[in-house]
Amino acid sequence: MRALTRLATLGLVLILGACAASDPLEEDLPDMGDFRLAYNIVVADNMQQVPPSRNATGEEWIEVLTAEIDRRFGGYEGERLYHIAIHVDAYSLAVPGIPVVLSPKSILVISANVWDDELQAKLHEEPRQLTIFEGASAQSIIGSGLTRSREEQMQVLARNAARRVQLWMLENPEWFSIDEDTAAANAAALAAEVEAIEQPPEDLPPELQ
């Protein structure tokens, strides 16, 4: 019976193991109008760790999120400069659990801001808070604490966070002079991608909602 359980778990990994977060440099990224990335600012002061969780420092979150924002947005060559500022509010990195019975998932909560460099002004009144989920994969189904290192968990969350920030930006096409119909179509496609990749776990702690 134990051997069958191990084989079933291995089969799940082999079938779904390719579902990791895709590299934005290999994606056909949506049109962003006038957008060109200027400053990419990530801060992690006063972030909260929600147990059970592996440990991660603010400096580590700053490094991985800065890299993934650059990776998704750095290739745009619009005629107007914008700044993206991210604050890490809370996180939980899944610890090893019992496959199938307990499969904890990693979660990241951020607050995002977008600034227009020429106007020297933020383009919205309040920060946009986003709750990011690790996503549907073999790693998350059997518990990513068993199959991913904490560095891999952080990269998946950071990559998903960059995608979610872009979705929010596409929902506000007037900020970047994007054609509204084009932005709506691209936002719908990206929203479908987010839905397919991220699957919120049940019974989220209040700190992560």
C-alpha atoms as a PDB file:
ATOM      1  CA  MET A   1       0.000   0.000   0.000  1.00  0.00           C
ATOM      2  CA  ARG A   2       2.826   2.394   0.851  1.00  0.00           C
ATOM      3  CA  ALA A   3       4.503   1.597  -2.457  1.00  0.00           C
ATOM      4  CA  LEU A   4       1.265   2.336  -4.311  1.00  0.00           C
ATOM      5  CA  THR A   5       0.938   5.645  -2.479  1.00  0.00           C
ATOM      6  CA  ARG A   6       4.494   6.608  -3.399  1.00  0.00           C
ATOM      7  CA  LEU A   7       3.876   5.645  -7.036  1.00  0.00           C
ATOM      8  CA  ALA A   8       0.665   7.651  -7.132  1.00  0.00           C
ATOM      9  CA  THR A   9       2.442  10.697  -5.731  1.00  0.00           C
ATOM     10  CA  LEU A  10       5.317  10.291  -8.192  1.00  0.00           C
ATOM     11  CA  GLY A  11       2.845   9.985 -11.059  1.00  0.00           C
ATOM     12  CA  LEU A  12       1.155  13.207  -9.973  1.00  0.00           C
ATOM     13  CA  VAL A  13       4.491  14.992  -9.985  1.00  0.00           C
ATOM     14  CA  LEU A  14       5.392  13.663 -13.431  1.00  0.00           C
ATOM     15  CA  ILE A  15       2.009  14.583 -14.919  1.00  0.00           C
ATOM     16  CA  LEU A  16       1.789  18.075 -13.459  1.00  0.00           C
ATOM     17  CA  GLY A  17       5.405  18.996 -12.863  1.00  0.00           C
ATOM     18  CA  ALA A  18       5.540  21.185 -15.969  1.00  0.00           C
ATOM     19  CA  CYS A  19       2.972  23.618 -14.510  1.00  0.00           C
ATOM     20  CA  ALA A  20       5.510  25.906 -12.872  1.00  0.00           C
ATOM     21  CA  ALA A  21       5.296  29.664 -13.352  1.00  0.00           C
ATOM     22  CA  SER A  22       6.162  30.547 -16.941  1.00  0.00           C
ATOM     23  CA  ASP A  23       9.022  32.884 -17.787  1.00  0.00           C
ATOM     24  CA  PRO A  24       7.666  36.255 -19.009  1.00  0.00           C
ATOM     25  CA  LEU A  25      10.628  36.534 -21.386  1.00  0.00           C
ATOM     26  CA  GLU A  26       9.174  33.531 -23.213  1.00  0.00           C
ATOM     27  CA  GLU A  27       5.614  34.933 -23.304  1.00  0.00           C
ATOM     28  CA  ASP A  28       3.904  37.143 -25.856  1.00  0.00           C
ATOM     29  CA  LEU A  29       3.369  40.039 -23.451  1.00  0.00           C
ATOM     30  CA  PRO A  30       0.400  42.406 -23.968  1.00  0.00           C
ATOM     31  CA  ASP A  31       0.656  45.880 -25.444  1.00  0.00           C
ATOM     32  CA  MET A  32       1.237  48.551 -22.783  1.00  0.00           C
ATOM     33  CA  GLY A  33       0.893  51.715 -24.863  1.00  0.00           C
ATOM     34  CA  ASP A  34       3.211  54.506 -23.723  1.00  0.00           C
ATOM     35  CA  PHE A  35       4.656  52.493 -20.844  1.00  0.00           C
ATOM     36  CA  ARG A  36       8.389  52.341 -20.211  1.00  0.00           C
ATOM     37  CA  LEU A  37       9.679  51.249 -16.803  1.00  0.00           C
ATOM     38  CA  ALA A  38      11.758  53.818 -14.939  1.00  0.00           C
ATOM     39  CA  TYR A  39      12.164  53.087 -11.229  1.00  0.00           C
ATOM     40  CA  ASN A  40      11.290  49.656  -9.882  1.00  0.00           C
ATOM     41  CA  ILE A  41      10.986  50.054  -6.122  1.00  0.00           C
ATOM     42  CA  VAL A  42      10.277  47.238  -3.659  1.00  0.00           C
ATOM     43  CA  VAL A  43      10.168  47.724   0.115  1.00  0.00           C
ATOM     44  CA  ALA A  44       9.521  45.150   2.810  1.00  0.00           C
ATOM     45  CA  ASP A  45       9.515  47.088   6.068  1.00  0.00           C
ATOM     46  CA  ASN A  46       6.862  45.937   8.546  1.00  0.00           C
ATOM     47  CA  MET A  47       5.946  42.873   6.523  1.00  0.00           C
ATOM     48  CA  GLN A  48       4.191  40.108   8.432  1.00  0.00           C
ATOM     49  CA  GLN A  49       4.989  36.416   8.369  1.00  0.00           C
ATOM     50  CA  VAL A  50       1.846  34.305   8.782  1.00  0.00           C
ATOM     51  CA  PRO A  51       2.546  30.875  10.280  1.00  0.00           C
ATOM     52  CA  PRO A  52       3.032  28.116   9.515  1.00  0.00           C
ATOM     53  CA  SER A  53       5.727  29.422   7.201  1.00  0.00           C
ATOM     54  CA  ARG A  54       9.325  29.069   6.214  1.00  0.00           C
ATOM     55  CA  ASN A  55      11.423  32.131   6.961  1.00  0.00           C
ATOM     56  CA  ALA A  56      12.324  34.779   4.396  1.00  0.00           C
ATOM     57  CA  THR A  57      13.995  38.127   4.985  1.00  0.00           C
ATOM     58  CA  GLY A  58      12.846  41.458   3.657  1.00  0.00           C
ATOM     59  CA  GLU A  59      16.028  41.682   1.618  1.00  0.00           C
ATOM     60  CA  GLU A  60      15.248  38.363  -0.061  1.00  0.00           C
ATOM     61  CA  TRP A  61      11.738  39.501  -0.985  1.00  0.00           C
ATOM     62  CA  ILE A  62      13.103  42.771  -2.329  1.00  0.00           C
ATOM     63  CA  GLU A  63      15.614  40.925  -4.496  1.00  0.00           C
ATOM     64  CA  VAL A  64      13.192  38.402  -6.004  1.00  0.00           C
ATOM     65  CA  LEU A  65      10.337  40.859  -6.580  1.00  0.00           C
ATOM     66  CA  THR A  66      12.633  43.471  -8.123  1.00  0.00           C
ATOM     67  CA  ALA A  67      13.989  40.835 -10.497  1.00  0.00           C
ATOM     68  CA  GLU A  68      10.549  39.630 -11.570  1.00  0.00           C
ATOM     69  CA  ILE A  69       9.119  43.136 -12.069  1.00  0.00           C
ATOM     70  CA  ASP A  70      12.151  43.911 -14.257  1.00  0.00           C
ATOM     71  CA  ARG A  71      11.685  40.641 -16.105  1.00  0.00           C
ATOM     72  CA  ARG A  72       8.038  41.331 -16.968  1.00  0.00           C
ATOM     73  CA  PHE A  73       8.169  45.078 -17.567  1.00  0.00           C
ATOM     74  CA  GLY A  74      11.760  45.848 -18.523  1.00  0.00           C
ATOM     75  CA  GLY A  75      11.304  45.129 -22.223  1.00  0.00           C
ATOM     76  CA  TYR A  76       8.610  47.719 -22.864  1.00  0.00           C
ATOM     77  CA  GLU A  77       9.864  50.710 -24.857  1.00  0.00           C
ATOM     78  CA  GLY A  78       7.032  53.227 -24.719  1.00  0.00           C
ATOM     79  CA  GLU A  79       7.611  56.971 -24.884  1.00  0.00           C
ATOM     80  CA  ARG A  80       6.637  57.785 -21.297  1.00  0.00           C
ATOM     81  CA  LEU A  81       8.356  56.775 -18.061  1.00  0.00           C
ATOM     82  CA  TYR A  82       6.509  55.182 -15.165  1.00  0.00           C
ATOM     83  CA  HIS A  83       7.560  53.913 -11.758  1.00  0.00           C
ATOM     84  CA  ILE A  84       6.256  50.745 -10.113  1.00  0.00           C
ATOM     85  CA  ALA A  85       6.438  50.623  -6.319  1.00  0.00           C
ATOM     86  CA  ILE A  86       5.667  47.453  -4.360  1.00  0.00           C
ATOM     87  CA  HIS A  87       5.319  47.002  -0.611  1.00  0.00           C
ATOM     88  CA  VAL A  88       5.439  43.473   0.821  1.00  0.00           C
ATOM     89  CA  ASP A  89       2.608  43.302   3.355  1.00  0.00           C
ATOM     90  CA  ALA A  90       2.537  39.624   4.362  1.00  0.00           C
ATOM     91  CA  TYR A  91       3.627  36.174   3.266  1.00  0.00           C
ATOM     92  CA  SER A  92       3.409  32.503   4.106  1.00  0.00           C
ATOM     93  CA  LEU A  93       5.795  30.001   2.519  1.00  0.00           C
ATOM     94  CA  ALA A  94       4.397  26.481   2.691  1.00  0.00           C
ATOM     95  CA  VAL A  95       6.094  24.099   5.099  1.00  0.00           C
ATOM     96  CA  PRO A  96       6.287  20.350   4.452  1.00  0.00           C
ATOM     97  CA  GLY A  97       2.924  18.673   4.977  1.00  0.00           C
ATOM     98  CA  ILE A  98       1.381  15.264   4.471  1.00  0.00           C
ATOM     99  CA  PRO A  99       0.703  14.677   0.753  1.00  0.00           C
ATOM    100  CA  VAL A 100      -2.998  14.874  -0.216  1.00  0.00           C
ATOM    101  CA  VAL A 101      -4.145  15.122   3.426  1.00  0.00           C
ATOM    102  CA  LEU A 102      -2.279  18.344   4.154  1.00  0.00           C
ATOM    103  CA  SER A 103      -1.029  20.369   1.196  1.00  0.00           C
ATOM    104  CA  PRO A 104      -0.228  23.896   2.405  1.00  0.00           C
ATOM    105  CA  LYS A 105       0.238  26.529  -0.266  1.00  0.00           C
ATOM    106  CA  SER A 106       2.384  29.650  -0.313  1.00  0.00           C
ATOM    107  CA  ILE A 107       0.761  33.094  -0.332  1.00  0.00           C
ATOM    108  CA  LEU A 108       2.063  36.640  -0.778  1.00  0.00           C
ATOM    109  CA  VAL A 109       0.229  39.917  -0.086  1.00  0.00           C
ATOM    110  CA  ILE A 110       1.546  43.112  -1.667  1.00  0.00           C
ATOM    111  CA  SER A 111       0.449  46.713  -2.118  1.00  0.00           C
ATOM    112  CA  ALA A 112       1.205  48.202  -5.534  1.00  0.00           C
ATOM    113  CA  ASN A 113       1.522  51.795  -6.743  1.00  0.00           C
ATOM    114  CA  VAL A 114       2.179  53.243 -10.196  1.00  0.00           C
ATOM    115  CA  TRP A 115       3.656  56.720 -10.708  1.00  0.00           C
ATOM    116  CA  ASP A 116       3.863  58.902 -13.814  1.00  0.00           C
ATOM    117  CA  ASP A 117       7.401  60.279 -13.987  1.00  0.00           C
ATOM    118  CA  GLU A 118       6.537  63.387 -16.024  1.00  0.00           C
ATOM    119  CA  LEU A 119       3.602  64.316 -13.799  1.00  0.00           C
ATOM    120  CA  GLN A 120       5.533  63.371 -10.647  1.00  0.00           C
ATOM    121  CA  ALA A 121       2.270  61.951  -9.355  1.00  0.00           C
ATOM    122  CA  LYS A 122       0.683  58.656  -8.416  1.00  0.00           C
ATOM    123  CA  LEU A 123      -1.969  57.565 -10.895  1.00  0.00           C
ATOM    124  CA  HIS A 124      -4.482  56.418  -8.272  1.00  0.00           C
ATOM    125  CA  GLU A 125      -5.520  57.426  -4.772  1.00  0.00           C
ATOM    126  CA  GLU A 126      -4.968  54.259  -2.732  1.00  0.00           C
ATOM    127  CA  PRO A 127      -2.425  51.457  -3.149  1.00  0.00           C
ATOM    128  CA  ARG A 128      -3.827  48.369  -4.822  1.00  0.00           C
ATOM    129  CA  GLN A 129      -3.508  45.419  -2.447  1.00  0.00           C
ATOM    130  CA  LEU A 130      -3.139  42.070  -4.166  1.00  0.00           C
ATOM    131  CA  THR A 131      -3.193  38.595  -2.624  1.00  0.00           C
ATOM    132  CA  ILE A 132      -1.009  36.292  -4.703  1.00  0.00           C
ATOM    133  CA  PHE A 133      -1.283  32.509  -4.661  1.00  0.00           C
ATOM    134  CA  GLU A 134       1.367  29.964  -5.489  1.00  0.00           C
ATOM    135  CA  GLY A 135      -0.735  28.304  -8.140  1.00  0.00           C
ATOM    136  CA  ALA A 136      -1.983  24.957  -9.339  1.00  0.00           C
ATOM    137  CA  SER A 137       0.819  22.500  -9.954  1.00  0.00           C
ATOM    138  CA  ALA A 138       2.098  19.177  -8.787  1.00  0.00           C
ATOM    139  CA  GLN A 139       4.074  21.109  -6.204  1.00  0.00           C
ATOM    140  CA  SER A 140       1.035  22.863  -4.762  1.00  0.00           C
ATOM    141  CA  ILE A 141      -1.317  19.865  -4.995  1.00  0.00           C
ATOM    142  CA  ILE A 142       0.876  17.655  -2.828  1.00  0.00           C
ATOM    143  CA  GLY A 143       2.232  20.580  -0.833  1.00  0.00           C
ATOM    144  CA  SER A 144       5.051  22.714  -2.200  1.00  0.00           C
ATOM    145  CA  GLY A 145       6.850  22.473   1.125  1.00  0.00           C
ATOM    146  CA  LEU A 146       7.768  18.949   0.057  1.00  0.00           C
ATOM    147  CA  THR A 147       8.746  19.612  -3.533  1.00  0.00           C
ATOM    148  CA  ARG A 148      10.004  23.211  -3.751  1.00  0.00           C
ATOM    149  CA  SER A 149      12.730  25.020  -1.880  1.00  0.00           C
ATOM    150  CA  ARG A 150      11.719  28.280  -0.249  1.00  0.00           C
ATOM    151  CA  GLU A 151      13.669  30.128  -2.965  1.00  0.00           C
ATOM    152  CA  GLU A 152      11.571  28.399  -5.623  1.00  0.00           C
ATOM    153  CA  GLN A 153       8.385  29.228  -3.739  1.00  0.00           C
ATOM    154  CA  MET A 154       9.399  32.879  -3.549  1.00  0.00           C
ATOM    155  CA  GLN A 155      10.212  33.046  -7.254  1.00  0.00           C
ATOM    156  CA  VAL A 156       6.844  31.538  -8.205  1.00  0.00           C
ATOM    157  CA  LEU A 157       5.030  34.034  -5.967  1.00  0.00           C
ATOM    158  CA  ALA A 158       7.080  36.965  -7.275  1.00  0.00           C
ATOM    159  CA  ARG A 159       6.468  35.940 -10.893  1.00  0.00           C
ATOM    160  CA  ASN A 160       2.745  35.593 -10.220  1.00  0.00           C
ATOM    161  CA  ALA A 161       2.773  38.969  -8.456  1.00  0.00           C
ATOM    162  CA  ALA A 162       4.294  40.706 -11.486  1.00  0.00           C
ATOM    163  CA  ARG A 163       1.578  39.183 -13.666  1.00  0.00           C
ATOM    164  CA  ARG A 164      -1.126  40.387 -11.278  1.00  0.00           C
ATOM    165  CA  VAL A 165       0.317  43.914 -11.249  1.00  0.00           C
ATOM    166  CA  GLN A 166       0.196  43.954 -15.040  1.00  0.00           C
ATOM    167  CA  LEU A 167      -3.421  42.800 -15.007  1.00  0.00           C
ATOM    168  CA  TRP A 168      -4.322  45.684 -12.699  1.00  0.00           C
ATOM    169  CA  MET A 169      -2.504  48.111 -14.981  1.00  0.00           C
ATOM    170  CA  LEU A 170      -4.348  46.809 -18.052  1.00  0.00           C
ATOM    171  CA  GLU A 171      -7.614  47.429 -16.220  1.00  0.00           C
ATOM    172  CA  ASN A 172      -6.647  51.126 -16.273  1.00  0.00           C
ATOM    173  CA  PRO A 173      -5.665  51.695 -19.921  1.00  0.00           C
ATOM    174  CA  GLU A 174      -6.068  55.477 -19.677  1.00  0.00           C
ATOM    175  CA  TRP A 175      -2.906  55.611 -17.563  1.00  0.00           C
ATOM    176  CA  PHE A 176      -0.799  54.476 -20.513  1.00  0.00           C
ATOM    177  CA  SER A 177      -2.839  55.607 -23.543  1.00  0.00           C
ATOM    178  CA  ILE A 178      -3.686  52.023 -24.484  1.00  0.00           C
ATOM    179  CA  ASP A 179      -6.575  51.485 -26.870  1.00  0.00           C
ATOM    180  CA  GLU A 180      -9.498  50.508 -24.624  1.00  0.00           C
ATOM    181  CA  ASP A 181     -10.658  47.554 -26.735  1.00  0.00           C
ATOM    182  CA  THR A 182      -7.123  46.204 -26.991  1.00  0.00           C
ATOM    183  CA  ALA A 183      -6.583  46.621 -23.252  1.00  0.00           C
ATOM    184  CA  ALA A 184      -9.895  44.917 -22.440  1.00  0.00           C
ATOM    185  CA  ALA A 185      -9.067  41.929 -24.642  1.00  0.00           C
ATOM    186  CA  ASN A 186      -5.574  41.629 -23.197  1.00  0.00           C
ATOM    187  CA  ALA A 187      -6.855  42.013 -19.635  1.00  0.00           C
ATOM    188  CA  ALA A 188      -9.415  39.263 -20.202  1.00  0.00           C
ATOM    189  CA  ALA A 189      -6.740  36.936 -21.574  1.00  0.00           C
ATOM    190  CA  LEU A 190      -4.400  37.700 -18.687  1.00  0.00           C
ATOM    191  CA  ALA A 191      -7.207  37.269 -16.144  1.00  0.00           C
ATOM    192  CA  ALA A 192      -7.933  33.831 -17.587  1.00  0.00           C
ATOM    193  CA  GLU A 193      -4.236  32.990 -17.287  1.00  0.00           C
ATOM    194  CA  VAL A 194      -4.209  34.135 -13.647  1.00  0.00           C
ATOM    195  CA  GLU A 195      -7.311  32.070 -12.903  1.00  0.00           C
ATOM    196  CA  ALA A 196      -5.742  28.992 -14.460  1.00  0.00           C
ATOM    197  CA  ILE A 197      -2.455  29.434 -12.586  1.00  0.00           C
ATOM    198  CA  GLU A 198      -3.595  30.635  -9.167  1.00  0.00           C
ATOM    199  CA  GLN A 199      -6.101  28.651  -7.121  1.00  0.00           C
ATOM    200  CA  PRO A 200      -6.873  30.233  -3.722  1.00  0.00           C
ATOM    201  CA  PRO A 201      -6.817  27.779  -0.828  1.00  0.00           C
ATOM    202  CA  GLU A 202      -9.819  27.557   1.448  1.00  0.00           C
ATOM    203  CA  ASP A 203      -9.960  29.147   4.898  1.00  0.00           C
ATOM    204  CA  LEU A 204      -7.370  31.876   4.393  1.00  0.00           C
ATOM    205  CA  PRO A 205      -6.081  33.462   7.613  1.00  0.00           C
ATOM    206  CA  PRO A 206      -7.445  36.999   8.077  1.00  0.00           C
ATOM    207  CA  GLU A 207      -3.934  38.429   7.648  1.00  0.00           C
ATOM    208  CA  LEU A 208      -3.789  37.025   4.100  1.00  0.00           C
ATOM    209  CA  GLN A 209      -7.255  37.953   2.891  1.00  0.00           C
END
